[in-house]
C-alpha atoms as a PDB file:
ATOM      1  CA  UNK A   1       0.000   0.000   0.000  1.00  0.00           C
ATOM      2  CA  UNK A   2       1.112   3.555  -0.681  1.00  0.00           C
ATOM      3  CA  UNK A   3       0.125   6.824   0.931  1.00  0.00           C
ATOM      4  CA  UNK A   4      -0.178   9.991  -1.134  1.00  0.00           C
ATOM      5  CA  UNK A   5       0.292  12.975   1.173  1.00  0.00           C
ATOM      6  CA  UNK A   6      -0.869  16.341  -0.136  1.00  0.00           C
ATOM      7  CA  UNK A   7       0.611  19.688   0.876  1.00  0.00           C
ATOM      8  CA  UNK A   8      -2.524  20.142   3.006  1.00  0.00           C
ATOM      9  CA  UNK A   9      -1.424  17.009   4.969  1.00  0.00           C
ATOM     10  CA  UNK A  10      -4.525  15.157   3.746  1.00  0.00           C
ATOM     11  CA  UNK A  11      -3.775  11.610   2.609  1.00  0.00           C
ATOM     12  CA  UNK A  12      -4.985   9.079   0.092  1.00  0.00           C
ATOM     13  CA  UNK A  13      -4.084   5.461   0.800  1.00  0.00           C
ATOM     14  CA  UNK A  14      -3.956   3.194  -2.239  1.00  0.00           C
ATOM     15  CA  UNK A  15      -3.734  -0.590  -2.434  1.00  0.00           C
ATOM     16  CA  UNK A  16      -1.519  -1.736  -5.308  1.00  0.00           C
ATOM     17  CA  UNK A  17      -2.407  -4.885  -7.264  1.00  0.00           C
ATOM     18  CA  UNK A  18       0.984  -6.307  -8.162  1.00  0.00           C
ATOM     19  CA  UNK A  19      -0.614  -9.620  -9.168  1.00  0.00           C
ATOM     20  CA  UNK A  20      -2.708  -7.834 -11.839  1.00  0.00           C
ATOM     21  CA  UNK A  21      -0.142  -5.309 -13.136  1.00  0.00           C
ATOM     22  CA  UNK A  22       3.358  -6.354 -12.002  1.00  0.00           C
ATOM     23  CA  UNK A  23       5.331  -4.211 -14.471  1.00  0.00           C
ATOM     24  CA  UNK A  24       3.304  -1.120 -13.628  1.00  0.00           C
ATOM     25  CA  UNK A  25       3.485  -1.611  -9.857  1.00  0.00           C
ATOM     26  CA  UNK A  26       7.242  -2.291  -9.999  1.00  0.00           C
ATOM     27  CA  UNK A  27       7.806   0.897 -12.009  1.00  0.00           C
ATOM     28  CA  UNK A  28       5.567   2.973  -9.731  1.00  0.00           C
ATOM     29  CA  UNK A  29       7.288   1.702  -6.573  1.00  0.00           C
ATOM     30  CA  UNK A  30      10.699   2.394  -8.121  1.00  0.00           C
ATOM     31  CA  UNK A  31       9.631   6.013  -8.639  1.00  0.00           C
ATOM     32  CA  UNK A  32       8.263   6.143  -5.071  1.00  0.00           C
ATOM     33  CA  UNK A  33      11.615   4.860  -3.744  1.00  0.00           C
ATOM     34  CA  UNK A  34      13.406   7.536  -5.780  1.00  0.00           C
ATOM     35  CA  UNK A  35      11.056  10.185  -4.276  1.00  0.00           C
ATOM     36  CA  UNK A  36      10.223  11.128  -7.858  1.00  0.00           C
ATOM     37  CA  UNK A  37       6.704  12.232  -6.911  1.00  0.00           C
ATOM     38  CA  UNK A  38       7.755  14.563  -4.075  1.00  0.00           C
ATOM     39  CA  UNK A  39       6.559  18.014  -5.077  1.00  0.00           C
ATOM     40  CA  UNK A  40       4.647  17.055  -8.222  1.00  0.00           C
ATOM     41  CA  UNK A  41       1.280  18.678  -8.758  1.00  0.00           C
ATOM     42  CA  UNK A  42      -2.089  17.501  -9.918  1.00  0.00           C
ATOM     43  CA  UNK A  43      -2.042  19.113 -13.350  1.00  0.00           C
ATOM     44  CA  UNK A  44      -5.359  17.879 -14.713  1.00  0.00           C
ATOM     45  CA  UNK A  45      -8.694  17.472 -12.972  1.00  0.00           C
ATOM     46  CA  UNK A  46     -11.797  16.673 -14.947  1.00  0.00           C
ATOM     47  CA  UNK A  47     -14.731  16.725 -12.549  1.00  0.00           C
ATOM     48  CA  UNK A  48     -16.557  13.414 -12.212  1.00  0.00           C
ATOM     49  CA  UNK A  49     -13.936  11.655 -14.325  1.00  0.00           C
ATOM     50  CA  UNK A  50     -10.374  11.705 -12.960  1.00  0.00           C
ATOM     51  CA  UNK A  51      -7.499  13.573 -11.305  1.00  0.00           C
ATOM     52  CA  UNK A  52      -4.043  13.321 -12.901  1.00  0.00           C
ATOM     53  CA  UNK A  53      -0.524  13.883 -11.565  1.00  0.00           C
ATOM     54  CA  UNK A  54       3.028  12.649 -11.935  1.00  0.00           C
ATOM     55  CA  UNK A  55       4.490  14.800 -14.681  1.00  0.00           C
ATOM     56  CA  UNK A  56       4.950  18.378 -13.492  1.00  0.00           C
ATOM     57  CA  UNK A  57       6.173  20.556 -10.664  1.00  0.00           C
ATOM     58  CA  UNK A  58       5.763  24.254  -9.970  1.00  0.00           C
ATOM     59  CA  UNK A  59       8.764  26.555  -9.590  1.00  0.00           C
ATOM     60  CA  UNK A  60       7.342  29.900  -8.490  1.00  0.00           C
ATOM     61  CA  UNK A  61       4.672  30.352 -11.133  1.00  0.00           C
ATOM     62  CA  UNK A  62       6.480  28.281 -13.748  1.00  0.00           C
ATOM     63  CA  UNK A  63       5.371  24.799 -14.700  1.00  0.00           C
ATOM     64  CA  UNK A  64       8.340  22.462 -15.167  1.00  0.00           C
ATOM     65  CA  UNK A  65       8.525  18.814 -16.126  1.00  0.00           C
ATOM     66  CA  UNK A  66       9.147  16.514 -13.178  1.00  0.00           C
ATOM     67  CA  UNK A  67      11.958  14.700 -14.973  1.00  0.00           C
ATOM     68  CA  UNK A  68      12.613  11.762 -17.214  1.00  0.00           C
ATOM     69  CA  UNK A  69      11.073   8.449 -16.291  1.00  0.00           C
ATOM     70  CA  UNK A  70      11.433   5.199 -18.173  1.00  0.00           C
ATOM     71  CA  UNK A  71       8.486   4.093 -20.305  1.00  0.00           C
ATOM     72  CA  UNK A  72       6.972   0.692 -19.616  1.00  0.00           C
ATOM     73  CA  UNK A  73       4.889  -1.977 -21.326  1.00  0.00           C
ATOM     74  CA  UNK A  74       1.204  -1.055 -21.088  1.00  0.00           C
ATOM     75  CA  UNK A  75      -0.522  -3.769 -19.069  1.00  0.00           C
ATOM     76  CA  UNK A  76      -4.016  -3.757 -20.550  1.00  0.00           C
ATOM     77  CA  UNK A  77      -6.050  -5.960 -22.856  1.00  0.00           C
ATOM     78  CA  UNK A  78      -5.783  -3.779 -25.964  1.00  0.00           C
ATOM     79  CA  UNK A  79      -2.016  -4.243 -25.643  1.00  0.00           C
ATOM     80  CA  UNK A  80      -2.223  -8.025 -25.314  1.00  0.00           C
ATOM     81  CA  UNK A  81      -1.956  -8.165 -21.508  1.00  0.00           C
ATOM     82  CA  UNK A  82      -4.702  -9.545 -19.265  1.00  0.00           C
ATOM     83  CA  UNK A  83      -5.722  -6.947 -16.694  1.00  0.00           C
ATOM     84  CA  UNK A  84      -9.312  -7.194 -15.481  1.00  0.00           C
ATOM     85  CA  UNK A  85      -9.248  -4.215 -13.100  1.00  0.00           C
ATOM     86  CA  UNK A  86     -12.237  -2.042 -13.951  1.00  0.00           C
ATOM     87  CA  UNK A  87     -11.907   1.734 -14.047  1.00  0.00           C
ATOM     88  CA  UNK A  88     -14.355   2.514 -11.262  1.00  0.00           C
ATOM     89  CA  UNK A  89     -14.271   5.348  -8.746  1.00  0.00           C
ATOM     90  CA  UNK A  90     -11.045   5.136  -6.762  1.00  0.00           C
ATOM     91  CA  UNK A  91      -9.015   3.086  -9.245  1.00  0.00           C
ATOM     92  CA  UNK A  92      -5.481   4.306 -10.007  1.00  0.00           C
ATOM     93  CA  UNK A  93      -4.218   3.850 -13.555  1.00  0.00           C
ATOM     94  CA  UNK A  94      -1.307   4.936 -15.730  1.00  0.00           C
ATOM     95  CA  UNK A  95      -1.710   7.845 -18.114  1.00  0.00           C
ATOM     96  CA  UNK A  96      -0.175   7.457 -21.554  1.00  0.00           C
ATOM     97  CA  UNK A  97      -0.128   8.939 -25.040  1.00  0.00           C
ATOM     98  CA  UNK A  98      -1.704   7.189 -28.029  1.00  0.00           C
ATOM     99  CA  UNK A  99       1.341   4.893 -27.994  1.00  0.00           C
ATOM    100  CA  UNK A 100       0.372   1.852 -25.926  1.00  0.00           C
ATOM    101  CA  UNK A 101       3.791   1.448 -24.297  1.00  0.00           C
ATOM    102  CA  UNK A 102       4.307   5.126 -23.427  1.00  0.00           C
ATOM    103  CA  UNK A 103       3.303   5.188 -19.735  1.00  0.00           C
ATOM    104  CA  UNK A 104       6.099   6.323 -17.436  1.00  0.00           C
ATOM    105  CA  UNK A 105       5.293   8.448 -14.370  1.00  0.00           C
ATOM    106  CA  UNK A 106       1.930  10.110 -14.930  1.00  0.00           C
ATOM    107  CA  UNK A 107      -1.019   8.473 -13.245  1.00  0.00           C
ATOM    108  CA  UNK A 108      -4.665   9.221 -12.690  1.00  0.00           C
ATOM    109  CA  UNK A 109      -7.257   8.244 -10.123  1.00  0.00           C
ATOM    110  CA  UNK A 110     -10.837   7.834 -11.302  1.00  0.00           C
ATOM    111  CA  UNK A 111     -13.345  10.045  -9.494  1.00  0.00           C
ATOM    112  CA  UNK A 112     -16.248   8.256 -11.180  1.00  0.00           C
ATOM    113  CA  UNK A 113     -16.752   5.019 -13.065  1.00  0.00           C
ATOM    114  CA  UNK A 114     -15.071   5.191 -16.479  1.00  0.00           C
ATOM    115  CA  UNK A 115     -15.828   1.893 -18.277  1.00  0.00           C
ATOM    116  CA  UNK A 116     -14.602   3.305 -21.612  1.00  0.00           C
ATOM    117  CA  UNK A 117     -11.050   3.074 -20.167  1.00  0.00           C
ATOM    118  CA  UNK A 118     -11.317  -0.636 -19.325  1.00  0.00           C
ATOM    119  CA  UNK A 119      -8.837  -2.662 -21.349  1.00  0.00           C
ATOM    120  CA  UNK A 120      -7.255   0.557 -22.716  1.00  0.00           C
ATOM    121  CA  UNK A 121      -5.192   1.795 -19.749  1.00  0.00           C
ATOM    122  CA  UNK A 122      -3.107  -0.002 -17.120  1.00  0.00           C
ATOM    123  CA  UNK A 123      -5.100   0.098 -13.908  1.00  0.00           C
ATOM    124  CA  UNK A 124      -2.931  -1.032 -11.004  1.00  0.00           C
ATOM    125  CA  UNK A 125      -4.641  -0.319  -7.700  1.00  0.00           C
ATOM    126  CA  UNK A 126      -7.525   1.239  -5.818  1.00  0.00           C
ATOM    127  CA  UNK A 127      -8.102   3.793  -3.080  1.00  0.00           C
ATOM    128  CA  UNK A 128      -8.132   1.834   0.165  1.00  0.00           C
ATOM    129  CA  UNK A 129     -10.741   3.429   2.434  1.00  0.00           C
ATOM    130  CA  UNK A 130     -13.571   5.916   2.855  1.00  0.00           C
ATOM    131  CA  UNK A 131     -11.328   8.615   4.373  1.00  0.00           C
ATOM    132  CA  UNK A 132      -9.135   8.474   1.273  1.00  0.00           C
ATOM    133  CA  UNK A 133     -12.218   8.599  -0.978  1.00  0.00           C
ATOM    134  CA  UNK A 134     -13.304  11.786   0.845  1.00  0.00           C
ATOM    135  CA  UNK A 135      -9.957  13.413  -0.014  1.00  0.00           C
ATOM    136  CA  UNK A 136     -10.327  12.207  -3.609  1.00  0.00           C
ATOM    137  CA  UNK A 137     -13.779  13.814  -3.711  1.00  0.00           C
ATOM    138  CA  UNK A 138     -12.258  17.139  -2.576  1.00  0.00           C
ATOM    139  CA  UNK A 139      -9.795  16.894  -5.456  1.00  0.00           C
ATOM    140  CA  UNK A 140     -12.667  16.089  -7.818  1.00  0.00           C
ATOM    141  CA  UNK A 141     -14.337  19.349  -6.797  1.00  0.00           C
ATOM    142  CA  UNK A 142     -11.223  21.531  -7.055  1.00  0.00           C
ATOM    143  CA  UNK A 143     -11.457  24.694  -9.115  1.00  0.00           C
ATOM    144  CA  UNK A 144      -9.752  24.461 -12.515  1.00  0.00           C
ATOM    145  CA  UNK A 145      -8.726  26.962 -15.151  1.00  0.00           C
ATOM    146  CA  UNK A 146      -7.895  26.907 -18.838  1.00  0.00           C
ATOM    147  CA  UNK A 147      -4.185  27.642 -19.161  1.00  0.00           C
ATOM    148  CA  UNK A 148      -3.570  26.351 -22.692  1.00  0.00           C
ATOM    149  CA  UNK A 149      -4.752  23.568 -24.969  1.00  0.00           C
ATOM    150  CA  UNK A 150      -2.342  21.256 -23.142  1.00  0.00           C
ATOM    151  CA  UNK A 151      -3.681  22.335 -19.739  1.00  0.00           C
ATOM    152  CA  UNK A 152      -7.379  22.916 -20.194  1.00  0.00           C
ATOM    153  CA  UNK A 153      -8.364  21.522 -16.765  1.00  0.00           C
ATOM    154  CA  UNK A 154      -5.531  22.864 -14.614  1.00  0.00           C
ATOM    155  CA  UNK A 155      -6.274  23.087 -10.883  1.00  0.00           C
ATOM    156  CA  UNK A 156      -5.739  26.508  -9.384  1.00  0.00           C
ATOM    157  CA  UNK A 157      -4.707  27.126  -6.685  1.00  0.00           C
ATOM    158  CA  UNK A 158      -2.043  24.443  -7.171  1.00  0.00           C
ATOM    159  CA  UNK A 159      -2.530  21.047  -5.522  1.00  0.00           C
ATOM    160  CA  UNK A 160       0.858  19.599  -4.648  1.00  0.00           C
ATOM    161  CA  UNK A 161       1.788  16.075  -3.661  1.00  0.00           C
ATOM    162  CA  UNK A 162       4.143  16.422  -0.713  1.00  0.00           C
ATOM    163  CA  UNK A 163       5.140  12.771  -0.942  1.00  0.00           C
ATOM    164  CA  UNK A 164       4.164   9.257  -1.909  1.00  0.00           C
ATOM    165  CA  UNK A 165       5.471   6.565   0.384  1.00  0.00           C
ATOM    166  CA  UNK A 166       5.020   2.845   0.916  1.00  0.00           C
ATOM    167  CA  UNK A 167       3.192   2.183   4.188  1.00  0.00           C
END
């Protein structure tokens, strides 16, 4: 299990399903061990769909990339890998481009059921408890702004991940 601690000190505990997505979980835990996620922001929140983080940090008012992370094999059915985790509220999954094996560090947590993602993205865990779901719901309701076409659903004020740790 991991704990995502926000700069507000609120936490989201997430169970990881290594038996369903071993490559994804191994990669994610490697980044956790490297403290890669310390200081990253949620850079995309689409209400009643998902919250996304893992790719960017804020330096003053400047958005900077969090750093290079290795891409991994996408563990989902459309990529030839059995993964029957459904994208329901609370499920954590890897973000990617249109290239199936492009996931690296960016992840999202579903804030509502999203069956259209099933078999298309590498789900690898789920929010562990009601307290964590309450924090996720706060994120779901965060105010967002249009910054550019690349950041159309950017939360402002910034929502920073203080740390992600194994617990």
